[in-house]
Amino acid sequence: MADEPPHHKARNETPLERADRNFSELLQELRVTQTGVQILFAFLLTLAFTPRFPSLDTVQRATYVTTLLLGVVAAVLFTAPAALHRRLFQQGAKPQVVEVSSRLAQAGMAVLALALTGSVLLVVDVAVGRVGGVAAGTGTLVVCVGLWGLVPLLVRRAIDKKPDEELPRAELPED
């Protein structure tokens, strides 16, 4: 385990115990995001059945369909780890399941950022106009990229810059 970061040595666990813990933590994260995706998807599904939907212009309809499909892809990406685990259950593949599931969740977050952006773009476009919709959609994307991408990167860089002995073991993040 010489290639593992120093903070992994703080826990006295085997690689399989670590994989079990990491998968459990990932499932907790997915429960949070999955609920949001389900609510967003339900909202999008109902839009097509509203009285105002037929009056949407071509750009708004394209935004709607694209966003709906992005919502489907996000939902599939966030549920894929459960399906992967179920298909490989008790086959000694837990570390691989954790690795692939983590990548699926990361892809899900990227697609969710686009689905949220499209949703905000569509709603604000209909409510106040195209310029406002584009501005609100862009703002949504910037916030998602900032909080979900840039902030973790900056935190990781700050941790990597500090010598290991300066970081109390109990405060080190776990993967």
C-alpha atoms as a PDB file:
ATOM      1  CA  MET A   1       0.000   0.000   0.000  1.00  0.00           C
ATOM      2  CA  ALA A   2       2.967   2.257  -0.552  1.00  0.00           C
ATOM      3  CA  ASP A   3       1.124   4.108  -3.329  1.00  0.00           C
ATOM      4  CA  GLU A   4      -1.724   5.214  -1.044  1.00  0.00           C
ATOM      5  CA  PRO A   5      -1.895   8.749   0.328  1.00  0.00           C
ATOM      6  CA  PRO A   6      -0.661   9.130   3.930  1.00  0.00           C
ATOM      7  CA  HIS A   7      -4.173   9.754   5.293  1.00  0.00           C
ATOM      8  CA  HIS A   8      -5.173   6.164   4.427  1.00  0.00           C
ATOM      9  CA  LYS A   9      -2.793   4.929   7.101  1.00  0.00           C
ATOM     10  CA  ALA A  10      -4.841   6.729   9.762  1.00  0.00           C
ATOM     11  CA  ARG A  11      -7.474   3.968   9.630  1.00  0.00           C
ATOM     12  CA  ASN A  12      -6.695   0.438  10.571  1.00  0.00           C
ATOM     13  CA  GLU A  13      -8.709  -1.281   7.841  1.00  0.00           C
ATOM     14  CA  THR A  14      -8.076  -3.844   5.173  1.00  0.00           C
ATOM     15  CA  PRO A  15      -8.505  -2.954   1.494  1.00  0.00           C
ATOM     16  CA  LEU A  16     -11.865  -4.777   1.488  1.00  0.00           C
ATOM     17  CA  GLU A  17     -13.019  -2.935   4.609  1.00  0.00           C
ATOM     18  CA  ARG A  18     -12.001   0.337   2.946  1.00  0.00           C
ATOM     19  CA  ALA A  19     -13.914  -0.635  -0.208  1.00  0.00           C
ATOM     20  CA  ASP A  20     -17.002  -1.455   1.880  1.00  0.00           C
ATOM     21  CA  ARG A  21     -16.767   1.876   3.722  1.00  0.00           C
ATOM     22  CA  ASN A  22     -16.163   3.833   0.528  1.00  0.00           C
ATOM     23  CA  PHE A  23     -19.113   2.175  -1.189  1.00  0.00           C
ATOM     24  CA  SER A  24     -21.353   2.894   1.796  1.00  0.00           C
ATOM     25  CA  GLU A  25     -20.293   6.557   1.737  1.00  0.00           C
ATOM     26  CA  LEU A  26     -20.878   6.722  -2.013  1.00  0.00           C
ATOM     27  CA  LEU A  27     -24.380   5.296  -1.610  1.00  0.00           C
ATOM     28  CA  GLN A  28     -25.166   7.978   0.982  1.00  0.00           C
ATOM     29  CA  GLU A  29     -24.038  10.665  -1.478  1.00  0.00           C
ATOM     30  CA  LEU A  30     -26.082   9.103  -4.265  1.00  0.00           C
ATOM     31  CA  ARG A  31     -29.218   9.117  -2.100  1.00  0.00           C
ATOM     32  CA  VAL A  32     -28.957  12.900  -1.850  1.00  0.00           C
ATOM     33  CA  THR A  33     -28.337  13.525  -5.536  1.00  0.00           C
ATOM     34  CA  GLN A  34     -30.811  10.919  -6.719  1.00  0.00           C
ATOM     35  CA  THR A  35     -33.668  12.636  -4.897  1.00  0.00           C
ATOM     36  CA  GLY A  36     -32.828  15.914  -6.584  1.00  0.00           C
ATOM     37  CA  VAL A  37     -32.649  14.278 -10.003  1.00  0.00           C
ATOM     38  CA  GLN A  38     -35.984  12.556  -9.457  1.00  0.00           C
ATOM     39  CA  ILE A  39     -37.668  15.836  -8.498  1.00  0.00           C
ATOM     40  CA  LEU A  40     -36.123  17.620 -11.487  1.00  0.00           C
ATOM     41  CA  PHE A  41     -37.160  14.820 -13.839  1.00  0.00           C
ATOM     42  CA  ALA A  42     -40.723  14.801 -12.496  1.00  0.00           C
ATOM     43  CA  PHE A  43     -40.909  18.571 -12.985  1.00  0.00           C
ATOM     44  CA  LEU A  44     -39.694  18.237 -16.551  1.00  0.00           C
ATOM     45  CA  LEU A  45     -42.137  15.445 -17.340  1.00  0.00           C
ATOM     46  CA  THR A  46     -45.088  17.529 -16.195  1.00  0.00           C
ATOM     47  CA  LEU A  47     -44.126  20.572 -18.293  1.00  0.00           C
ATOM     48  CA  ALA A  48     -45.171  18.952 -21.559  1.00  0.00           C
ATOM     49  CA  PHE A  49     -48.712  18.585 -20.215  1.00  0.00           C
ATOM     50  CA  THR A  50     -49.208  22.189 -19.153  1.00  0.00           C
ATOM     51  CA  PRO A  51     -51.512  24.516 -21.116  1.00  0.00           C
ATOM     52  CA  ARG A  52     -48.639  26.859 -21.978  1.00  0.00           C
ATOM     53  CA  PHE A  53     -46.376  24.170 -23.479  1.00  0.00           C
ATOM     54  CA  PRO A  54     -47.811  24.407 -27.037  1.00  0.00           C
ATOM     55  CA  SER A  55     -46.832  28.087 -27.145  1.00  0.00           C
ATOM     56  CA  LEU A  56     -43.101  27.378 -26.652  1.00  0.00           C
ATOM     57  CA  ASP A  57     -40.903  28.412 -29.568  1.00  0.00           C
ATOM     58  CA  THR A  58     -38.425  26.114 -31.308  1.00  0.00           C
ATOM     59  CA  VAL A  59     -35.478  27.045 -29.075  1.00  0.00           C
ATOM     60  CA  GLN A  60     -37.539  26.510 -25.927  1.00  0.00           C
ATOM     61  CA  ARG A  61     -38.763  23.117 -27.152  1.00  0.00           C
ATOM     62  CA  ALA A  62     -35.218  22.078 -28.048  1.00  0.00           C
ATOM     63  CA  THR A  63     -34.036  23.207 -24.626  1.00  0.00           C
ATOM     64  CA  TYR A  64     -36.861  21.252 -23.017  1.00  0.00           C
ATOM     65  CA  VAL A  65     -36.154  18.012 -24.892  1.00  0.00           C
ATOM     66  CA  THR A  66     -32.401  18.291 -24.336  1.00  0.00           C
ATOM     67  CA  THR A  67     -32.875  18.985 -20.637  1.00  0.00           C
ATOM     68  CA  LEU A  68     -35.362  16.129 -20.265  1.00  0.00           C
ATOM     69  CA  LEU A  69     -32.886  13.732 -21.879  1.00  0.00           C
ATOM     70  CA  LEU A  70     -30.067  15.042 -19.682  1.00  0.00           C
ATOM     71  CA  GLY A  71     -32.300  14.356 -16.671  1.00  0.00           C
ATOM     72  CA  VAL A  72     -32.775  10.774 -17.867  1.00  0.00           C
ATOM     73  CA  VAL A  73     -29.030  10.312 -18.337  1.00  0.00           C
ATOM     74  CA  ALA A  74     -28.320  11.761 -14.879  1.00  0.00           C
ATOM     75  CA  ALA A  75     -30.876   9.421 -13.301  1.00  0.00           C
ATOM     76  CA  VAL A  76     -29.341   6.432 -15.084  1.00  0.00           C
ATOM     77  CA  LEU A  77     -25.810   7.402 -14.051  1.00  0.00           C
ATOM     78  CA  PHE A  78     -26.845   7.826 -10.415  1.00  0.00           C
ATOM     79  CA  THR A  79     -28.676   4.486 -10.301  1.00  0.00           C
ATOM     80  CA  ALA A  80     -26.008   2.550 -12.216  1.00  0.00           C
ATOM     81  CA  PRO A  81     -23.858   1.907  -9.101  1.00  0.00           C
ATOM     82  CA  ALA A  82     -26.727  -0.018  -7.482  1.00  0.00           C
ATOM     83  CA  ALA A  83     -27.190  -2.090 -10.633  1.00  0.00           C
ATOM     84  CA  LEU A  84     -23.453  -2.686 -10.921  1.00  0.00           C
ATOM     85  CA  HIS A  85     -23.253  -3.793  -7.298  1.00  0.00           C
ATOM     86  CA  ARG A  86     -26.245  -6.089  -7.700  1.00  0.00           C
ATOM     87  CA  ARG A  87     -24.817  -7.726 -10.843  1.00  0.00           C
ATOM     88  CA  LEU A  88     -21.396  -8.271  -9.232  1.00  0.00           C
ATOM     89  CA  PHE A  89     -22.623  -9.052  -5.706  1.00  0.00           C
ATOM     90  CA  GLN A  90     -20.464 -11.627  -3.896  1.00  0.00           C
ATOM     91  CA  GLN A  91     -18.073 -12.000  -6.806  1.00  0.00           C
ATOM     92  CA  GLY A  92     -15.076 -10.394  -5.098  1.00  0.00           C
ATOM     93  CA  ALA A  93     -15.270  -7.230  -7.184  1.00  0.00           C
ATOM     94  CA  LYS A  94     -16.021  -4.639  -4.478  1.00  0.00           C
ATOM     95  CA  PRO A  95     -12.902  -2.479  -5.125  1.00  0.00           C
ATOM     96  CA  GLN A  96     -13.731  -2.380  -8.843  1.00  0.00           C
ATOM     97  CA  VAL A  97     -17.397  -1.676  -8.098  1.00  0.00           C
ATOM     98  CA  VAL A  98     -16.349   1.258  -5.899  1.00  0.00           C
ATOM     99  CA  GLU A  99     -13.992   2.635  -8.562  1.00  0.00           C
ATOM    100  CA  VAL A 100     -16.490   2.373 -11.427  1.00  0.00           C
ATOM    101  CA  SER A 101     -19.356   3.632  -9.251  1.00  0.00           C
ATOM    102  CA  SER A 102     -17.339   6.673  -8.244  1.00  0.00           C
ATOM    103  CA  ARG A 103     -16.710   7.493 -11.894  1.00  0.00           C
ATOM    104  CA  LEU A 104     -20.393   7.010 -12.714  1.00  0.00           C
ATOM    105  CA  ALA A 105     -21.333   9.383  -9.883  1.00  0.00           C
ATOM    106  CA  GLN A 106     -18.845  11.986 -11.139  1.00  0.00           C
ATOM    107  CA  ALA A 107     -20.289  11.728 -14.639  1.00  0.00           C
ATOM    108  CA  GLY A 108     -23.762  11.997 -13.104  1.00  0.00           C
ATOM    109  CA  MET A 109     -22.798  15.238 -11.401  1.00  0.00           C
ATOM    110  CA  ALA A 110     -21.565  16.694 -14.700  1.00  0.00           C
ATOM    111  CA  VAL A 111     -24.767  15.707 -16.491  1.00  0.00           C
ATOM    112  CA  LEU A 112     -26.859  16.974 -13.576  1.00  0.00           C
ATOM    113  CA  ALA A 113     -25.122  20.362 -13.837  1.00  0.00           C
ATOM    114  CA  LEU A 114     -26.163  20.517 -17.495  1.00  0.00           C
ATOM    115  CA  ALA A 115     -29.726  19.408 -16.699  1.00  0.00           C
ATOM    116  CA  LEU A 116     -30.036  22.070 -13.997  1.00  0.00           C
ATOM    117  CA  THR A 117     -28.620  24.647 -16.376  1.00  0.00           C
ATOM    118  CA  GLY A 118     -31.127  23.701 -19.067  1.00  0.00           C
ATOM    119  CA  SER A 119     -34.020  23.750 -16.609  1.00  0.00           C
ATOM    120  CA  VAL A 120     -33.170  27.215 -15.347  1.00  0.00           C
ATOM    121  CA  LEU A 121     -32.570  28.439 -18.892  1.00  0.00           C
ATOM    122  CA  LEU A 122     -35.976  27.177 -20.009  1.00  0.00           C
ATOM    123  CA  VAL A 123     -37.981  28.467 -17.058  1.00  0.00           C
ATOM    124  CA  VAL A 124     -36.379  31.910 -17.017  1.00  0.00           C
ATOM    125  CA  ASP A 125     -36.607  32.152 -20.811  1.00  0.00           C
ATOM    126  CA  VAL A 126     -40.361  31.498 -20.638  1.00  0.00           C
ATOM    127  CA  ALA A 127     -40.841  33.761 -17.612  1.00  0.00           C
ATOM    128  CA  VAL A 128     -38.778  36.818 -18.563  1.00  0.00           C
ATOM    129  CA  GLY A 129     -37.185  36.284 -21.971  1.00  0.00           C
ATOM    130  CA  ARG A 130     -34.274  34.754 -23.801  1.00  0.00           C
ATOM    131  CA  VAL A 131     -31.544  37.093 -22.515  1.00  0.00           C
ATOM    132  CA  GLY A 132     -32.591  36.499 -18.915  1.00  0.00           C
ATOM    133  CA  GLY A 133     -32.799  32.764 -19.555  1.00  0.00           C
ATOM    134  CA  VAL A 134     -29.315  32.587 -21.021  1.00  0.00           C
ATOM    135  CA  ALA A 135     -27.922  34.689 -18.162  1.00  0.00           C
ATOM    136  CA  ALA A 136     -29.637  32.571 -15.509  1.00  0.00           C
ATOM    137  CA  GLY A 137     -28.587  29.326 -17.219  1.00  0.00           C
ATOM    138  CA  THR A 138     -25.002  30.516 -17.486  1.00  0.00           C
ATOM    139  CA  GLY A 139     -25.040  31.551 -13.843  1.00  0.00           C
ATOM    140  CA  THR A 140     -26.366  28.135 -12.858  1.00  0.00           C
ATOM    141  CA  LEU A 141     -23.610  26.379 -14.786  1.00  0.00           C
ATOM    142  CA  VAL A 142     -20.941  28.628 -13.271  1.00  0.00           C
ATOM    143  CA  VAL A 143     -22.220  27.948  -9.743  1.00  0.00           C
ATOM    144  CA  CYS A 144     -22.325  24.174 -10.336  1.00  0.00           C
ATOM    145  CA  VAL A 145     -18.845  24.089 -11.872  1.00  0.00           C
ATOM    146  CA  GLY A 146     -17.530  26.320  -9.093  1.00  0.00           C
ATOM    147  CA  LEU A 147     -19.009  24.437  -6.148  1.00  0.00           C
ATOM    148  CA  TRP A 148     -18.763  20.917  -7.536  1.00  0.00           C
ATOM    149  CA  GLY A 149     -15.514  21.238  -9.471  1.00  0.00           C
ATOM    150  CA  LEU A 150     -13.397  24.197  -8.451  1.00  0.00           C
ATOM    151  CA  VAL A 151     -13.965  24.150  -4.673  1.00  0.00           C
ATOM    152  CA  PRO A 152     -12.989  20.463  -4.289  1.00  0.00           C
ATOM    153  CA  LEU A 153      -9.921  21.097  -6.461  1.00  0.00           C
ATOM    154  CA  LEU A 154      -8.867  24.044  -4.303  1.00  0.00           C
ATOM    155  CA  VAL A 155      -9.415  22.095  -1.088  1.00  0.00           C
ATOM    156  CA  ARG A 156      -7.372  19.179  -2.466  1.00  0.00           C
ATOM    157  CA  ARG A 157      -4.547  21.550  -3.443  1.00  0.00           C
ATOM    158  CA  ALA A 158      -4.556  23.111   0.033  1.00  0.00           C
ATOM    159  CA  ILE A 159      -4.334  19.670   1.628  1.00  0.00           C
ATOM    160  CA  ASP A 160      -1.535  18.605  -0.728  1.00  0.00           C
ATOM    161  CA  LYS A 161       0.498  21.750   0.027  1.00  0.00           C
ATOM    162  CA  LYS A 162       0.521  21.200   3.787  1.00  0.00           C
ATOM    163  CA  PRO A 163       3.052  18.788   5.211  1.00  0.00           C
ATOM    164  CA  ASP A 164       1.345  15.671   6.587  1.00  0.00           C
ATOM    165  CA  GLU A 165       2.414  16.398  10.149  1.00  0.00           C
ATOM    166  CA  GLU A 166       0.529  19.717  10.154  1.00  0.00           C
ATOM    167  CA  LEU A 167      -2.810  18.028   9.462  1.00  0.00           C
ATOM    168  CA  PRO A 168      -4.419  16.369  12.448  1.00  0.00           C
ATOM    169  CA  ARG A 169      -5.345  12.801  11.534  1.00  0.00           C
ATOM    170  CA  ALA A 170      -8.946  13.169  12.681  1.00  0.00           C
ATOM    171  CA  GLU A 171      -9.480  16.092  10.284  1.00  0.00           C
ATOM    172  CA  LEU A 172      -8.114  14.464   7.165  1.00  0.00           C
ATOM    173  CA  PRO A 173     -10.720  13.769   4.492  1.00  0.00           C
ATOM    174  CA  GLU A 174     -11.486  10.207   3.565  1.00  0.00           C
ATOM    175  CA  ASP A 175     -11.877   8.999   0.000  1.00  0.00           C
END
